[in-house]
PDB file of N, CA and C in Angstrom:
ATOM      1  N   MET A   1     -15.376 -38.468   6.708  1.00  0.00           N
ATOM      2  CA  MET A   1     -14.386 -37.846   7.587  1.00  0.00           C
ATOM      3  C   MET A   1     -13.701 -38.950   8.244  1.00  0.00           C
ATOM      4  N   ALA A   2     -12.303 -38.817   8.275  1.00  0.00           N
ATOM      5  CA  ALA A   2     -11.507 -39.859   8.946  1.00  0.00           C
ATOM      6  C   ALA A   2     -11.453 -39.561  10.440  1.00  0.00           C
ATOM      7  N   MET A   3     -11.447 -40.733  11.138  1.00  0.00           N
ATOM      8  CA  MET A   3     -11.313 -40.615  12.647  1.00  0.00           C
ATOM      9  C   MET A   3      -9.951 -40.348  13.089  1.00  0.00           C
ATOM     10  N   SER A   4      -9.819 -39.735  14.225  1.00  0.00           N
ATOM     11  CA  SER A   4      -8.547 -39.364  14.751  1.00  0.00           C
ATOM     12  C   SER A   4      -7.989 -40.672  15.592  1.00  0.00           C
ATOM     13  N   LYS A   5      -6.785 -41.032  15.400  1.00  0.00           N
ATOM     14  CA  LYS A   5      -6.189 -42.157  16.119  1.00  0.00           C
ATOM     15  C   LYS A   5      -5.520 -41.709  17.382  1.00  0.00           C
ATOM     16  N   GLY A   6      -5.580 -40.365  17.694  1.00  0.00           N
ATOM     17  CA  GLY A   6      -4.952 -39.859  18.958  1.00  0.00           C
ATOM     18  C   GLY A   6      -3.473 -39.570  18.798  1.00  0.00           C
ATOM     19  N   SER A   7      -2.843 -39.754  17.569  1.00  0.00           N
ATOM     20  CA  SER A   7      -1.555 -39.527  17.423  1.00  0.00           C
ATOM     21  C   SER A   7      -1.201 -38.159  16.981  1.00  0.00           C
ATOM     22  N   GLU A   8      -2.177 -37.392  16.628  1.00  0.00           N
ATOM     23  CA  GLU A   8      -2.009 -36.039  16.130  1.00  0.00           C
ATOM     24  C   GLU A   8      -1.652 -35.138  17.311  1.00  0.00           C
ATOM     25  N   PHE A   9      -0.889 -34.071  17.045  1.00  0.00           N
ATOM     26  CA  PHE A   9      -0.602 -33.022  18.040  1.00  0.00           C
ATOM     27  C   PHE A   9      -0.626 -31.652  17.417  1.00  0.00           C
ATOM     28  N   PHE A  10      -0.730 -30.707  18.306  1.00  0.00           N
ATOM     29  CA  PHE A  10      -0.850 -29.241  17.835  1.00  0.00           C
ATOM     30  C   PHE A  10       0.440 -28.533  18.345  1.00  0.00           C
ATOM     31  N   GLU A  11       0.922 -27.818  17.443  1.00  0.00           N
ATOM     32  CA  GLU A  11       2.088 -27.057  17.863  1.00  0.00           C
ATOM     33  C   GLU A  11       1.785 -25.611  17.890  1.00  0.00           C
ATOM     34  N   MET A  12       1.985 -24.892  18.892  1.00  0.00           N
ATOM     35  CA  MET A  12       1.571 -23.524  19.104  1.00  0.00           C
ATOM     36  C   MET A  12       2.804 -22.704  19.354  1.00  0.00           C
ATOM     37  N   ASP A  13       2.917 -21.558  18.697  1.00  0.00           N
ATOM     38  CA  ASP A  13       3.923 -20.648  18.954  1.00  0.00           C
ATOM     39  C   ASP A  13       3.411 -19.619  19.974  1.00  0.00           C
ATOM     40  N   VAL A  14       3.999 -19.577  21.147  1.00  0.00           N
ATOM     41  CA  VAL A  14       3.676 -18.777  22.338  1.00  0.00           C
ATOM     42  C   VAL A  14       3.531 -17.226  21.973  1.00  0.00           C
ATOM     43  N   GLU A  15       4.581 -16.777  21.276  1.00  0.00           N
ATOM     44  CA  GLU A  15       4.621 -15.326  20.917  1.00  0.00           C
ATOM     45  C   GLU A  15       3.428 -14.941  20.092  1.00  0.00           C
ATOM     46  N   THR A  16       3.192 -15.686  19.003  1.00  0.00           N
ATOM     47  CA  THR A  16       2.116 -15.276  18.095  1.00  0.00           C
ATOM     48  C   THR A  16       0.700 -15.424  18.749  1.00  0.00           C
ATOM     49  N   GLU A  17       0.627 -16.238  19.761  1.00  0.00           N
ATOM     50  CA  GLU A  17      -0.625 -16.487  20.448  1.00  0.00           C
ATOM     51  C   GLU A  17      -1.028 -15.126  21.080  1.00  0.00           C
ATOM     52  N   TYR A  18      -0.156 -14.455  21.739  1.00  0.00           N
ATOM     53  CA  TYR A  18      -0.454 -13.209  22.472  1.00  0.00           C
ATOM     54  C   TYR A  18      -0.688 -12.096  21.392  1.00  0.00           C
ATOM     55  N   GLU A  19      -0.050 -12.160  20.285  1.00  0.00           N
ATOM     56  CA  GLU A  19      -0.183 -11.079  19.298  1.00  0.00           C
ATOM     57  C   GLU A  19      -1.593 -11.119  18.610  1.00  0.00           C
ATOM     58  N   SER A  20      -2.179 -12.327  18.591  1.00  0.00           N
ATOM     59  CA  SER A  20      -3.430 -12.521  17.877  1.00  0.00           C
ATOM     60  C   SER A  20      -4.549 -11.794  18.761  1.00  0.00           C
ATOM     61  N   PHE A  21      -4.265 -11.679  20.032  1.00  0.00           N
ATOM     62  CA  PHE A  21      -5.344 -11.045  20.904  1.00  0.00           C
ATOM     63  C   PHE A  21      -5.129  -9.582  21.106  1.00  0.00           C
ATOM     64  N   ALA A  22      -4.123  -9.046  20.522  1.00  0.00           N
ATOM     65  CA  ALA A  22      -3.786  -7.686  20.648  1.00  0.00           C
ATOM     66  C   ALA A  22      -4.774  -6.860  19.793  1.00  0.00           C
ATOM     67  N   ARG A  23      -5.253  -5.725  20.402  1.00  0.00           N
ATOM     68  CA  ARG A  23      -6.240  -4.895  19.719  1.00  0.00           C
ATOM     69  C   ARG A  23      -5.402  -3.734  19.129  1.00  0.00           C
ATOM     70  N   PRO A  24      -5.855  -3.319  17.846  1.00  0.00           N
ATOM     71  CA  PRO A  24      -5.178  -2.214  17.352  1.00  0.00           C
ATOM     72  C   PRO A  24      -5.724  -0.968  17.882  1.00  0.00           C
ATOM     73  N   SER A  25      -4.898   0.073  17.996  1.00  0.00           N
ATOM     74  CA  SER A  25      -5.369   1.332  18.575  1.00  0.00           C
ATOM     75  C   SER A  25      -6.422   1.956  17.716  1.00  0.00           C
ATOM     76  N   ASN A  26      -7.229   2.863  18.240  1.00  0.00           N
ATOM     77  CA  ASN A  26      -8.260   3.531  17.424  1.00  0.00           C
ATOM     78  C   ASN A  26      -7.689   4.293  16.246  1.00  0.00           C
ATOM     79  N   ALA A  27      -6.474   4.932  16.398  1.00  0.00           N
ATOM     80  CA  ALA A  27      -5.941   5.627  15.291  1.00  0.00           C
ATOM     81  C   ALA A  27      -5.522   4.684  14.163  1.00  0.00           C
ATOM     82  N   GLU A  28      -4.939   3.518  14.477  1.00  0.00           N
ATOM     83  CA  GLU A  28      -4.573   2.477  13.499  1.00  0.00           C
ATOM     84  C   GLU A  28      -5.834   2.048  12.726  1.00  0.00           C
ATOM     85  N   SER A  29      -7.037   1.764  13.437  1.00  0.00           N
ATOM     86  CA  SER A  29      -8.136   1.228  12.771  1.00  0.00           C
ATOM     87  C   SER A  29      -8.749   2.414  11.909  1.00  0.00           C
ATOM     88  N   VAL A  30      -8.707   3.660  12.436  1.00  0.00           N
ATOM     89  CA  VAL A  30      -9.284   4.767  11.543  1.00  0.00           C
ATOM     90  C   VAL A  30      -8.468   4.918  10.310  1.00  0.00           C
ATOM     91  N   ALA A  31      -7.113   4.815  10.378  1.00  0.00           N
ATOM     92  CA  ALA A  31      -6.227   4.941   9.226  1.00  0.00           C
ATOM     93  C   ALA A  31      -6.494   3.801   8.279  1.00  0.00           C
ATOM     94  N   GLU A  32      -6.674   2.613   8.803  1.00  0.00           N
ATOM     95  CA  GLU A  32      -6.933   1.437   7.907  1.00  0.00           C
ATOM     96  C   GLU A  32      -8.280   1.607   7.165  1.00  0.00           C
ATOM     97  N   ASP A  33      -9.293   2.022   7.942  1.00  0.00           N
ATOM     98  CA  ASP A  33     -10.593   2.261   7.341  1.00  0.00           C
ATOM     99  C   ASP A  33     -10.603   3.338   6.343  1.00  0.00           C
ATOM    100  N   GLU A  34      -9.773   4.445   6.518  1.00  0.00           N
ATOM    101  CA  GLU A  34      -9.621   5.488   5.569  1.00  0.00           C
ATOM    102  C   GLU A  34      -8.945   4.900   4.270  1.00  0.00           C
ATOM    103  N   ASN A  35      -7.962   4.124   4.450  1.00  0.00           N
ATOM    104  CA  ASN A  35      -7.256   3.560   3.291  1.00  0.00           C
ATOM    105  C   ASN A  35      -8.166   2.678   2.453  1.00  0.00           C
ATOM    106  N   GLU A  36      -8.949   1.815   3.196  1.00  0.00           N
ATOM    107  CA  GLU A  36      -9.998   0.975   2.440  1.00  0.00           C
ATOM    108  C   GLU A  36     -10.963   1.747   1.720  1.00  0.00           C
ATOM    109  N   LEU A  37     -11.478   2.874   2.312  1.00  0.00           N
ATOM    110  CA  LEU A  37     -12.488   3.728   1.648  1.00  0.00           C
ATOM    111  C   LEU A  37     -11.856   4.346   0.412  1.00  0.00           C
ATOM    112  N   THR A  38     -10.578   4.773   0.502  1.00  0.00           N
ATOM    113  CA  THR A  38      -9.924   5.379  -0.652  1.00  0.00           C
ATOM    114  C   THR A  38      -9.824   4.374  -1.824  1.00  0.00           C
ATOM    115  N   TRP A  39      -9.410   3.184  -1.502  1.00  0.00           N
ATOM    116  CA  TRP A  39      -9.242   2.191  -2.514  1.00  0.00           C
ATOM    117  C   TRP A  39     -10.646   1.819  -3.173  1.00  0.00           C
ATOM    118  N   ALA A  40     -11.648   1.780  -2.296  1.00  0.00           N
ATOM    119  CA  ALA A  40     -12.976   1.534  -2.830  1.00  0.00           C
ATOM    120  C   ALA A  40     -13.439   2.669  -3.836  1.00  0.00           C
ATOM    121  N   ALA A  41     -13.178   3.869  -3.387  1.00  0.00           N
ATOM    122  CA  ALA A  41     -13.474   4.972  -4.296  1.00  0.00           C
ATOM    123  C   ALA A  41     -12.770   4.902  -5.649  1.00  0.00           C
ATOM    124  N   ILE A  42     -11.481   4.575  -5.615  1.00  0.00           N
ATOM    125  CA  ILE A  42     -10.688   4.557  -6.822  1.00  0.00           C
ATOM    126  C   ILE A  42     -11.170   3.403  -7.702  1.00  0.00           C
ATOM    127  N   GLU A  43     -11.527   2.245  -7.051  1.00  0.00           N
ATOM    128  CA  GLU A  43     -12.053   1.197  -7.776  1.00  0.00           C
ATOM    129  C   GLU A  43     -13.376   1.473  -8.518  1.00  0.00           C
ATOM    130  N   ARG A  44     -14.142   2.366  -8.009  1.00  0.00           N
ATOM    131  CA  ARG A  44     -15.353   2.727  -8.586  1.00  0.00           C
ATOM    132  C   ARG A  44     -15.167   3.693  -9.858  1.00  0.00           C
ATOM    133  N   LEU A  45     -13.978   4.298 -10.031  1.00  0.00           N
ATOM    134  CA  LEU A  45     -13.703   5.219 -11.136  1.00  0.00           C
ATOM    135  C   LEU A  45     -13.729   4.417 -12.451  1.00  0.00           C
ATOM    136  N   PRO A  46     -13.999   5.058 -13.513  1.00  0.00           N
ATOM    137  CA  PRO A  46     -13.821   4.436 -14.775  1.00  0.00           C
ATOM    138  C   PRO A  46     -12.444   4.204 -15.069  1.00  0.00           C
ATOM    139  N   THR A  47     -12.136   3.132 -15.910  1.00  0.00           N
ATOM    140  CA  THR A  47     -10.820   2.538 -16.103  1.00  0.00           C
ATOM    141  C   THR A  47      -9.871   3.589 -16.600  1.00  0.00           C
ATOM    142  N   VAL A  48     -10.248   4.499 -17.441  1.00  0.00           N
ATOM    143  CA  VAL A  48      -9.378   5.579 -17.949  1.00  0.00           C
ATOM    144  C   VAL A  48      -8.887   6.560 -16.785  1.00  0.00           C
ATOM    145  N   ASN A  49      -9.899   6.959 -15.887  1.00  0.00           N
ATOM    146  CA  ASN A  49      -9.551   7.819 -14.788  1.00  0.00           C
ATOM    147  C   ASN A  49      -8.676   7.032 -13.742  1.00  0.00           C
ATOM    148  N   ARG A  50      -8.930   5.784 -13.586  1.00  0.00           N
ATOM    149  CA  ARG A  50      -8.192   4.990 -12.652  1.00  0.00           C
ATOM    150  C   ARG A  50      -6.770   4.861 -12.891  1.00  0.00           C
ATOM    151  N   THR A  51      -6.448   4.796 -14.181  1.00  0.00           N
ATOM    152  CA  THR A  51      -4.998   4.673 -14.656  1.00  0.00           C
ATOM    153  C   THR A  51      -4.296   5.929 -14.337  1.00  0.00           C
ATOM    154  N   HIS A  52      -4.909   7.034 -14.121  1.00  0.00           N
ATOM    155  CA  HIS A  52      -4.234   8.355 -13.822  1.00  0.00           C
ATOM    156  C   HIS A  52      -4.023   8.594 -12.348  1.00  0.00           C
ATOM    157  N   MET A  53      -4.561   7.714 -11.463  1.00  0.00           N
ATOM    158  CA  MET A  53      -4.502   7.910 -10.133  1.00  0.00           C
ATOM    159  C   MET A  53      -3.346   7.092  -9.512  1.00  0.00           C
ATOM    160  N   ALA A  54      -2.709   7.675  -8.532  1.00  0.00           N
ATOM    161  CA  ALA A  54      -1.571   7.090  -7.767  1.00  0.00           C
ATOM    162  C   ALA A  54      -1.555   7.421  -6.312  1.00  0.00           C
ATOM    163  N   PHE A  55      -1.100   6.584  -5.477  1.00  0.00           N
ATOM    164  CA  PHE A  55      -0.858   6.798  -4.100  1.00  0.00           C
ATOM    165  C   PHE A  55       0.517   7.275  -3.804  1.00  0.00           C
ATOM    166  N   LEU A  56       0.650   8.304  -3.054  1.00  0.00           N
ATOM    167  CA  LEU A  56       2.038   8.887  -2.647  1.00  0.00           C
ATOM    168  C   LEU A  56       2.082   8.766  -1.194  1.00  0.00           C
ATOM    169  N   ARG A  57       2.972   7.945  -0.631  1.00  0.00           N
ATOM    170  CA  ARG A  57       3.142   7.882   0.817  1.00  0.00           C
ATOM    171  C   ARG A  57       4.245   8.853   1.257  1.00  0.00           C
ATOM    172  N   ARG A  58       3.873   9.651   2.230  1.00  0.00           N
ATOM    173  CA  ARG A  58       4.843  10.638   2.791  1.00  0.00           C
ATOM    174  C   ARG A  58       5.033  10.410   4.276  1.00  0.00           C
ATOM    175  N   THR A  59       6.251  10.441   4.732  1.00  0.00           N
ATOM    176  CA  THR A  59       6.595  10.303   6.017  1.00  0.00           C
ATOM    177  C   THR A  59       6.438  11.571   6.929  1.00  0.00           C
ATOM    178  N   SER A  60       6.528  11.431   8.167  1.00  0.00           N
ATOM    179  CA  SER A  60       6.332  12.746   9.017  1.00  0.00           C
ATOM    180  C   SER A  60       7.434  13.758   8.734  1.00  0.00           C
ATOM    181  N   SER A  61       8.675  13.303   8.275  1.00  0.00           N
ATOM    182  CA  SER A  61       9.718  14.296   7.959  1.00  0.00           C
ATOM    183  C   SER A  61       9.431  15.038   6.756  1.00  0.00           C
ATOM    184  N   GLU A  62       8.670  14.523   5.786  1.00  0.00           N
ATOM    185  CA  GLU A  62       8.206  15.235   4.595  1.00  0.00           C
ATOM    186  C   GLU A  62       7.026  16.090   4.678  1.00  0.00           C
ATOM    187  N   THR A  63       6.208  15.890   5.795  1.00  0.00           N
ATOM    188  CA  THR A  63       5.005  16.752   5.939  1.00  0.00           C
ATOM    189  C   THR A  63       4.976  17.260   7.433  1.00  0.00           C
ATOM    190  N   SER A  64       3.985  18.077   7.682  1.00  0.00           N
ATOM    191  CA  SER A  64       3.808  18.641   9.021  1.00  0.00           C
ATOM    192  C   SER A  64       3.015  17.672   9.913  1.00  0.00           C
ATOM    193  N   HIS A  65       2.386  16.652   9.310  1.00  0.00           N
ATOM    194  CA  HIS A  65       1.540  15.749  10.052  1.00  0.00           C
ATOM    195  C   HIS A  65       2.473  14.729  10.735  1.00  0.00           C
ATOM    196  N   GLU A  66       1.901  14.083  11.840  1.00  0.00           N
ATOM    197  CA  GLU A  66       2.620  13.009  12.526  1.00  0.00           C
ATOM    198  C   GLU A  66       2.368  11.686  11.772  1.00  0.00           C
ATOM    199  N   GLY A  67       3.385  10.764  11.789  1.00  0.00           N
ATOM    200  CA  GLY A  67       3.213   9.515  11.161  1.00  0.00           C
ATOM    201  C   GLY A  67       3.280   9.602   9.655  1.00  0.00           C
ATOM    202  N   GLU A  68       2.950   8.408   9.040  1.00  0.00           N
ATOM    203  CA  GLU A  68       2.979   8.355   7.619  1.00  0.00           C
ATOM    204  C   GLU A  68       1.586   8.688   7.065  1.00  0.00           C
ATOM    205  N   ARG A  69       1.585   9.469   5.978  1.00  0.00           N
ATOM    206  CA  ARG A  69       0.356   9.960   5.373  1.00  0.00           C
ATOM    207  C   ARG A  69       0.372   9.513   3.962  1.00  0.00           C
ATOM    208  N   THR A  70      -0.860   9.038   3.448  1.00  0.00           N
ATOM    209  CA  THR A  70      -1.010   8.602   2.093  1.00  0.00           C
ATOM    210  C   THR A  70      -1.827   9.727   1.359  1.00  0.00           C
ATOM    211  N   GLU A  71      -1.295  10.052   0.296  1.00  0.00           N
ATOM    212  CA  GLU A  71      -2.071  11.138  -0.544  1.00  0.00           C
ATOM    213  C   GLU A  71      -2.412  10.551  -1.906  1.00  0.00           C
ATOM    214  N   THR A  72      -3.646  10.737  -2.366  1.00  0.00           N
ATOM    215  CA  THR A  72      -4.109  10.254  -3.688  1.00  0.00           C
ATOM    216  C   THR A  72      -3.941  11.418  -4.664  1.00  0.00           C
ATOM    217  N   ILE A  73      -3.148  11.123  -5.702  1.00  0.00           N
ATOM    218  CA  ILE A  73      -2.868  12.155  -6.697  1.00  0.00           C
ATOM    219  C   ILE A  73      -3.220  11.685  -8.133  1.00  0.00           C
ATOM    220  N   ASP A  74      -3.514  12.705  -8.942  1.00  0.00           N
ATOM    221  CA  ASP A  74      -3.708  12.537 -10.346  1.00  0.00           C
ATOM    222  C   ASP A  74      -2.423  12.820 -11.040  1.00  0.00           C
ATOM    223  N   VAL A  75      -1.857  11.735 -11.653  1.00  0.00           N
ATOM    224  CA  VAL A  75      -0.531  11.923 -12.149  1.00  0.00           C
ATOM    225  C   VAL A  75      -0.437  12.769 -13.422  1.00  0.00           C
ATOM    226  N   THR A  76      -1.599  13.012 -14.087  1.00  0.00           N
ATOM    227  CA  THR A  76      -1.568  13.883 -15.258  1.00  0.00           C
ATOM    228  C   THR A  76      -1.515  15.261 -14.938  1.00  0.00           C
ATOM    229  N   LYS A  77      -1.840  15.663 -13.678  1.00  0.00           N
ATOM    230  CA  LYS A  77      -1.913  17.043 -13.280  1.00  0.00           C
ATOM    231  C   LYS A  77      -0.804  17.495 -12.221  1.00  0.00           C
ATOM    232  N   LEU A  78       0.304  16.800 -12.365  1.00  0.00           N
ATOM    233  CA  LEU A  78       1.381  17.060 -11.430  1.00  0.00           C
ATOM    234  C   LEU A  78       2.281  18.249 -11.838  1.00  0.00           C
ATOM    235  N   ASP A  79       2.734  19.022 -10.955  1.00  0.00           N
ATOM    236  CA  ASP A  79       3.698  20.020 -11.300  1.00  0.00           C
ATOM    237  C   ASP A  79       5.124  19.384 -11.199  1.00  0.00           C
ATOM    238  N   ARG A  80       6.205  20.098 -11.603  1.00  0.00           N
ATOM    239  CA  ARG A  80       7.493  19.512 -11.701  1.00  0.00           C
ATOM    240  C   ARG A  80       7.922  18.900 -10.272  1.00  0.00           C
ATOM    241  N   LYS A  81       7.741  19.655  -9.226  1.00  0.00           N
ATOM    242  CA  LYS A  81       8.265  19.192  -7.926  1.00  0.00           C
ATOM    243  C   LYS A  81       7.556  17.915  -7.591  1.00  0.00           C
ATOM    244  N   LYS A  82       6.299  17.689  -7.711  1.00  0.00           N
ATOM    245  CA  LYS A  82       5.593  16.458  -7.371  1.00  0.00           C
ATOM    246  C   LYS A  82       5.896  15.328  -8.383  1.00  0.00           C
ATOM    247  N   ARG A  83       6.188  15.643  -9.653  1.00  0.00           N
ATOM    248  CA  ARG A  83       6.631  14.724 -10.558  1.00  0.00           C
ATOM    249  C   ARG A  83       7.958  14.073 -10.196  1.00  0.00           C
ATOM    250  N   GLU A  84       8.934  14.857  -9.765  1.00  0.00           N
ATOM    251  CA  GLU A  84      10.180  14.443  -9.291  1.00  0.00           C
ATOM    252  C   GLU A  84      10.028  13.574  -8.109  1.00  0.00           C
ATOM    253  N   LEU A  85       9.139  14.044  -7.143  1.00  0.00           N
ATOM    254  CA  LEU A  85       9.043  13.187  -5.937  1.00  0.00           C
ATOM    255  C   LEU A  85       8.398  11.843  -6.205  1.00  0.00           C
ATOM    256  N   VAL A  86       7.453  11.752  -7.065  1.00  0.00           N
ATOM    257  CA  VAL A  86       6.866  10.436  -7.509  1.00  0.00           C
ATOM    258  C   VAL A  86       7.916   9.532  -8.198  1.00  0.00           C
ATOM    259  N   VAL A  87       8.651  10.140  -9.075  1.00  0.00           N
ATOM    260  CA  VAL A  87       9.759   9.218  -9.702  1.00  0.00           C
ATOM    261  C   VAL A  87      10.760   8.800  -8.740  1.00  0.00           C
ATOM    262  N   LYS A  88      11.156   9.793  -7.861  1.00  0.00           N
ATOM    263  CA  LYS A  88      12.203   9.399  -6.717  1.00  0.00           C
ATOM    264  C   LYS A  88      11.740   8.360  -5.879  1.00  0.00           C
ATOM    265  N   LYS A  89      10.468   8.494  -5.341  1.00  0.00           N
ATOM    266  CA  LYS A  89       9.892   7.436  -4.542  1.00  0.00           C
ATOM    267  C   LYS A  89       9.760   6.023  -5.206  1.00  0.00           C
ATOM    268  N   ALA A  90       9.411   6.087  -6.458  1.00  0.00           N
ATOM    269  CA  ALA A  90       9.251   4.932  -7.298  1.00  0.00           C
ATOM    270  C   ALA A  90      10.519   4.118  -7.457  1.00  0.00           C
ATOM    271  N   LEU A  91      11.512   4.886  -7.690  1.00  0.00           N
ATOM    272  CA  LEU A  91      12.789   4.245  -7.922  1.00  0.00           C
ATOM    273  C   LEU A  91      13.627   3.884  -6.731  1.00  0.00           C
ATOM    274  N   ALA A  92      13.203   4.505  -5.587  1.00  0.00           N
ATOM    275  CA  ALA A  92      14.050   4.351  -4.321  1.00  0.00           C
ATOM    276  C   ALA A  92      13.535   3.151  -3.534  1.00  0.00           C
ATOM    277  N   THR A  93      12.455   2.505  -3.925  1.00  0.00           N
ATOM    278  CA  THR A  93      12.000   1.410  -3.083  1.00  0.00           C
ATOM    279  C   THR A  93      12.847   0.137  -3.317  1.00  0.00           C
ATOM    280  N   ALA A  94      13.175  -0.545  -2.266  1.00  0.00           N
ATOM    281  CA  ALA A  94      13.984  -1.692  -2.415  1.00  0.00           C
ATOM    282  C   ALA A  94      13.228  -2.972  -2.676  1.00  0.00           C
ATOM    283  N   GLU A  95      11.884  -2.874  -2.238  1.00  0.00           N
ATOM    284  CA  GLU A  95      11.143  -4.232  -2.459  1.00  0.00           C
ATOM    285  C   GLU A  95      10.528  -4.285  -3.856  1.00  0.00           C
ATOM    286  N   GLN A  96      10.624  -3.230  -4.705  1.00  0.00           N
ATOM    287  CA  GLN A  96      10.278  -3.349  -6.026  1.00  0.00           C
ATOM    288  C   GLN A  96      11.351  -3.696  -7.021  1.00  0.00           C
ATOM    289  N   ASP A  97      11.010  -4.415  -8.063  1.00  0.00           N
ATOM    290  CA  ASP A  97      12.093  -4.770  -9.046  1.00  0.00           C
ATOM    291  C   ASP A  97      12.128  -3.552 -10.030  1.00  0.00           C
ATOM    292  N   ASN A  98      13.129  -2.778 -10.001  1.00  0.00           N
ATOM    293  CA  ASN A  98      13.274  -1.503 -10.771  1.00  0.00           C
ATOM    294  C   ASN A  98      13.273  -1.766 -12.194  1.00  0.00           C
ATOM    295  N   PHE A  99      13.890  -2.932 -12.642  1.00  0.00           N
ATOM    296  CA  PHE A  99      13.851  -3.166 -14.047  1.00  0.00           C
ATOM    297  C   PHE A  99      12.415  -3.395 -14.474  1.00  0.00           C
ATOM    298  N   LYS A 100      11.623  -4.206 -13.787  1.00  0.00           N
ATOM    299  CA  LYS A 100      10.169  -4.358 -14.206  1.00  0.00           C
ATOM    300  C   LYS A 100       9.459  -3.044 -14.269  1.00  0.00           C
ATOM    301  N   LEU A 101       9.740  -2.190 -13.271  1.00  0.00           N
ATOM    302  CA  LEU A 101       9.116  -0.898 -13.250  1.00  0.00           C
ATOM    303  C   LEU A 101       9.434  -0.076 -14.480  1.00  0.00           C
ATOM    304  N   LEU A 102      10.670  -0.081 -14.807  1.00  0.00           N
ATOM    305  CA  LEU A 102      11.136   0.840 -15.969  1.00  0.00           C
ATOM    306  C   LEU A 102      10.624   0.156 -17.227  1.00  0.00           C
ATOM    307  N   LEU A 103      10.582  -1.092 -17.319  1.00  0.00           N
ATOM    308  CA  LEU A 103      10.030  -1.726 -18.480  1.00  0.00           C
ATOM    309  C   LEU A 103       8.569  -1.541 -18.649  1.00  0.00           C
ATOM    310  N   GLY A 104       7.880  -1.494 -17.608  1.00  0.00           N
ATOM    311  CA  GLY A 104       6.410  -1.150 -17.560  1.00  0.00           C
ATOM    312  C   GLY A 104       6.206   0.292 -18.030  1.00  0.00           C
ATOM    313  N   ILE A 105       7.033   1.224 -17.552  1.00  0.00           N
ATOM    314  CA  ILE A 105       6.921   2.522 -17.976  1.00  0.00           C
ATOM    315  C   ILE A 105       7.218   2.762 -19.440  1.00  0.00           C
ATOM    316  N   LYS A 106       8.232   2.040 -19.927  1.00  0.00           N
ATOM    317  CA  LYS A 106       8.537   2.119 -21.311  1.00  0.00           C
ATOM    318  C   LYS A 106       7.465   1.628 -22.204  1.00  0.00           C
ATOM    319  N   GLU A 107       6.903   0.479 -21.792  1.00  0.00           N
ATOM    320  CA  GLU A 107       5.754  -0.135 -22.562  1.00  0.00           C
ATOM    321  C   GLU A 107       4.579   0.868 -22.539  1.00  0.00           C
ATOM    322  N   ARG A 108       4.339   1.531 -21.472  1.00  0.00           N
ATOM    323  CA  ARG A 108       3.214   2.441 -21.399  1.00  0.00           C
ATOM    324  C   ARG A 108       3.383   3.622 -22.348  1.00  0.00           C
ATOM    325  N   LEU A 109       4.677   4.160 -22.271  1.00  0.00           N
ATOM    326  CA  LEU A 109       4.966   5.293 -23.119  1.00  0.00           C
ATOM    327  C   LEU A 109       4.860   4.956 -24.560  1.00  0.00           C
ATOM    328  N   ASN A 110       5.161   3.716 -24.958  1.00  0.00           N
ATOM    329  CA  ASN A 110       5.161   3.340 -26.329  1.00  0.00           C
ATOM    330  C   ASN A 110       3.732   3.045 -26.898  1.00  0.00           C
ATOM    331  N   ARG A 111       2.799   3.049 -25.988  1.00  0.00           N
ATOM    332  CA  ARG A 111       1.425   2.857 -26.431  1.00  0.00           C
ATOM    333  C   ARG A 111       0.843   4.105 -27.072  1.00  0.00           C
TER     334      ARG A 111
END
């Protein structure tokens, strides 16, 4: 272990210092725990069943619940309305590369 020569210094960002001590509200921690439990349950499914599962995020404007709600769905058992909603949400996201998504769908359909 090298000894310090006293020339090192630490730079701290004051804004992030206060954020690190912030406590999440109980509702946020419950929602996060619920999400983790759902992921764990899906990971325990056999591979074939796992490929049929998807998460559908719905905002408060789309449902009667407050806030954002995540729904786990089996894509093989969707009616027309839900199929359209899944495709619409998948293609409407800005952070996904739509070309990669469509290429993946094409490869999956060709199998």
